[in-house]
Structure formats: C-alpha cells, structure tokens
Amino acid sequence: MTQIDVYTTKTCPHCTRLKQWLSEHDYEYVEHQVDENREKAKEMIERTGRRGVPQALIGDQAVVGYQPKKIQEAVKNANANS
C-alpha cells in the first residue's frame, strides 16, 4: 500500500477531520505535527511549496486541505504506478 504522509497541527480542526476520515477508511498514514517539529515543517514546505495544513502527500502528489475524493484518486494513481 502507498504511504501517506499527513502534515498537521494540534489545533487544526480540518487536520483532525482528515485523520478521522483516513482511519475510518482504513488508510494507513504517518502523521507529522509541524507545530511541534520544525524540521518536518521545513520538509513540508520544501516538498509542496505550501504552508497550510492539513497536507497529505501520496507519492509525489500533495493534497492540501480536507479533500477525501482527491486523496482517494491520488492513492489509486500511486498504487497503479507502483
């Protein structure tokens, strides 16, 4: 299965919603709290060019915000290419 990196902050309600949706749909993900880890914040910005959260990185595709349909498409595409 394709790895999903999720960049979040503790106080972001959309981040909480995204993590809940991923868990409910049995997607495994690795969470990076950028408000607690400056290196991960820097990594996120370098990888996507964006500062907003939540961000889900699936393969080389970034999905910014709570966008379940885009995440499903990105996972499908990443699985097809692996």
Protein backbone atom coordinates (compact mmCIF):
# COMPACT_ATOMS: atom_id res chain seq x y z
CA MET A 1 0.00 0.00 0.00
CA THR A 2 1.12 3.52 -0.75
CA GLN A 3 2.48 5.57 2.14
CA ILE A 4 0.52 8.65 3.07
CA ASP A 5 2.35 11.40 4.94
CA VAL A 6 -0.04 13.76 6.71
CA TYR A 7 1.22 17.13 7.93
CA THR A 8 -0.89 18.59 10.73
CA THR A 9 -1.01 20.90 13.72
CA LYS A 10 -2.59 20.14 17.10
CA THR A 11 -5.20 22.91 16.88
CA CYS A 12 -6.36 22.38 13.29
CA PRO A 13 -9.94 21.06 13.10
CA HIS A 14 -9.54 20.07 9.44
CA CYS A 15 -6.47 18.03 10.40
CA THR A 16 -8.50 16.13 12.99
CA ARG A 17 -11.25 15.55 10.46
CA LEU A 18 -8.78 14.28 7.85
CA LYS A 19 -7.10 11.86 10.28
CA GLN A 20 -10.51 10.55 11.35
CA TRP A 21 -11.56 10.03 7.73
CA LEU A 22 -8.31 8.23 6.87
CA SER A 23 -8.74 5.89 9.85
CA GLU A 24 -12.41 5.23 9.09
CA HIS A 25 -11.45 4.23 5.53
CA ASP A 26 -8.55 2.02 6.65
CA TYR A 27 -5.81 4.17 5.15
CA GLU A 28 -2.52 3.86 6.97
CA TYR A 29 -0.70 7.16 7.37
CA VAL A 30 2.24 8.75 9.10
CA GLU A 31 1.41 11.96 10.94
CA HIS A 32 3.89 14.82 11.18
CA GLN A 33 2.90 17.62 13.57
CA VAL A 34 4.56 20.65 12.05
CA ASP A 35 3.79 22.89 15.03
CA GLU A 36 5.99 20.65 17.18
CA ASN A 37 8.66 19.71 14.65
CA ARG A 38 10.36 22.50 12.69
CA GLU A 39 12.27 20.01 10.53
CA LYS A 40 9.00 18.43 9.37
CA ALA A 41 7.53 21.90 8.76
CA LYS A 42 10.53 22.74 6.59
CA GLU A 43 10.24 19.37 4.82
CA MET A 44 6.55 20.01 4.10
CA ILE A 45 7.24 23.41 2.58
CA GLU A 46 10.12 22.06 0.51
CA ARG A 47 8.04 19.16 -0.81
CA THR A 48 4.87 21.11 -1.60
CA GLY A 49 5.71 24.79 -1.62
CA ARG A 50 2.79 25.40 0.74
CA ARG A 51 2.45 26.21 4.41
CA GLY A 52 -1.21 25.38 5.10
CA VAL A 53 -2.41 22.25 6.87
CA PRO A 54 -3.59 19.61 6.61
CA GLN A 55 -1.50 18.31 3.77
CA ALA A 56 -1.48 14.72 2.61
CA LEU A 57 1.43 13.58 0.47
CA ILE A 58 0.77 10.47 -1.54
CA GLY A 59 3.70 9.52 -3.72
CA ASP A 60 4.62 12.76 -5.45
CA GLN A 61 1.14 14.26 -5.21
CA ALA A 62 0.13 16.72 -2.49
CA VAL A 63 -3.46 17.21 -1.40
CA VAL A 64 -3.99 20.34 0.66
CA GLY A 65 -6.98 20.59 2.96
CA TYR A 66 -9.72 18.11 3.71
CA GLN A 67 -10.37 16.62 0.28
CA PRO A 68 -11.25 12.92 0.55
CA LYS A 69 -12.02 12.43 -3.15
CA LYS A 70 -8.64 13.83 -4.17
CA ILE A 71 -6.91 11.60 -1.64
CA GLN A 72 -8.71 8.54 -2.98
CA GLU A 73 -7.67 9.48 -6.54
CA ALA A 74 -4.06 10.08 -5.50
CA VAL A 75 -3.87 6.72 -3.70
CA LYS A 76 -5.41 4.93 -6.68
CA ASN A 77 -2.92 6.58 -9.05
CA ALA A 78 0.05 5.86 -6.78
CA ASN A 79 -0.97 2.20 -6.43
CA ALA A 80 -1.35 1.89 -10.20
CA ASN A 81 2.14 3.30 -10.73
CA SER A 82 3.89 1.07 -8.18
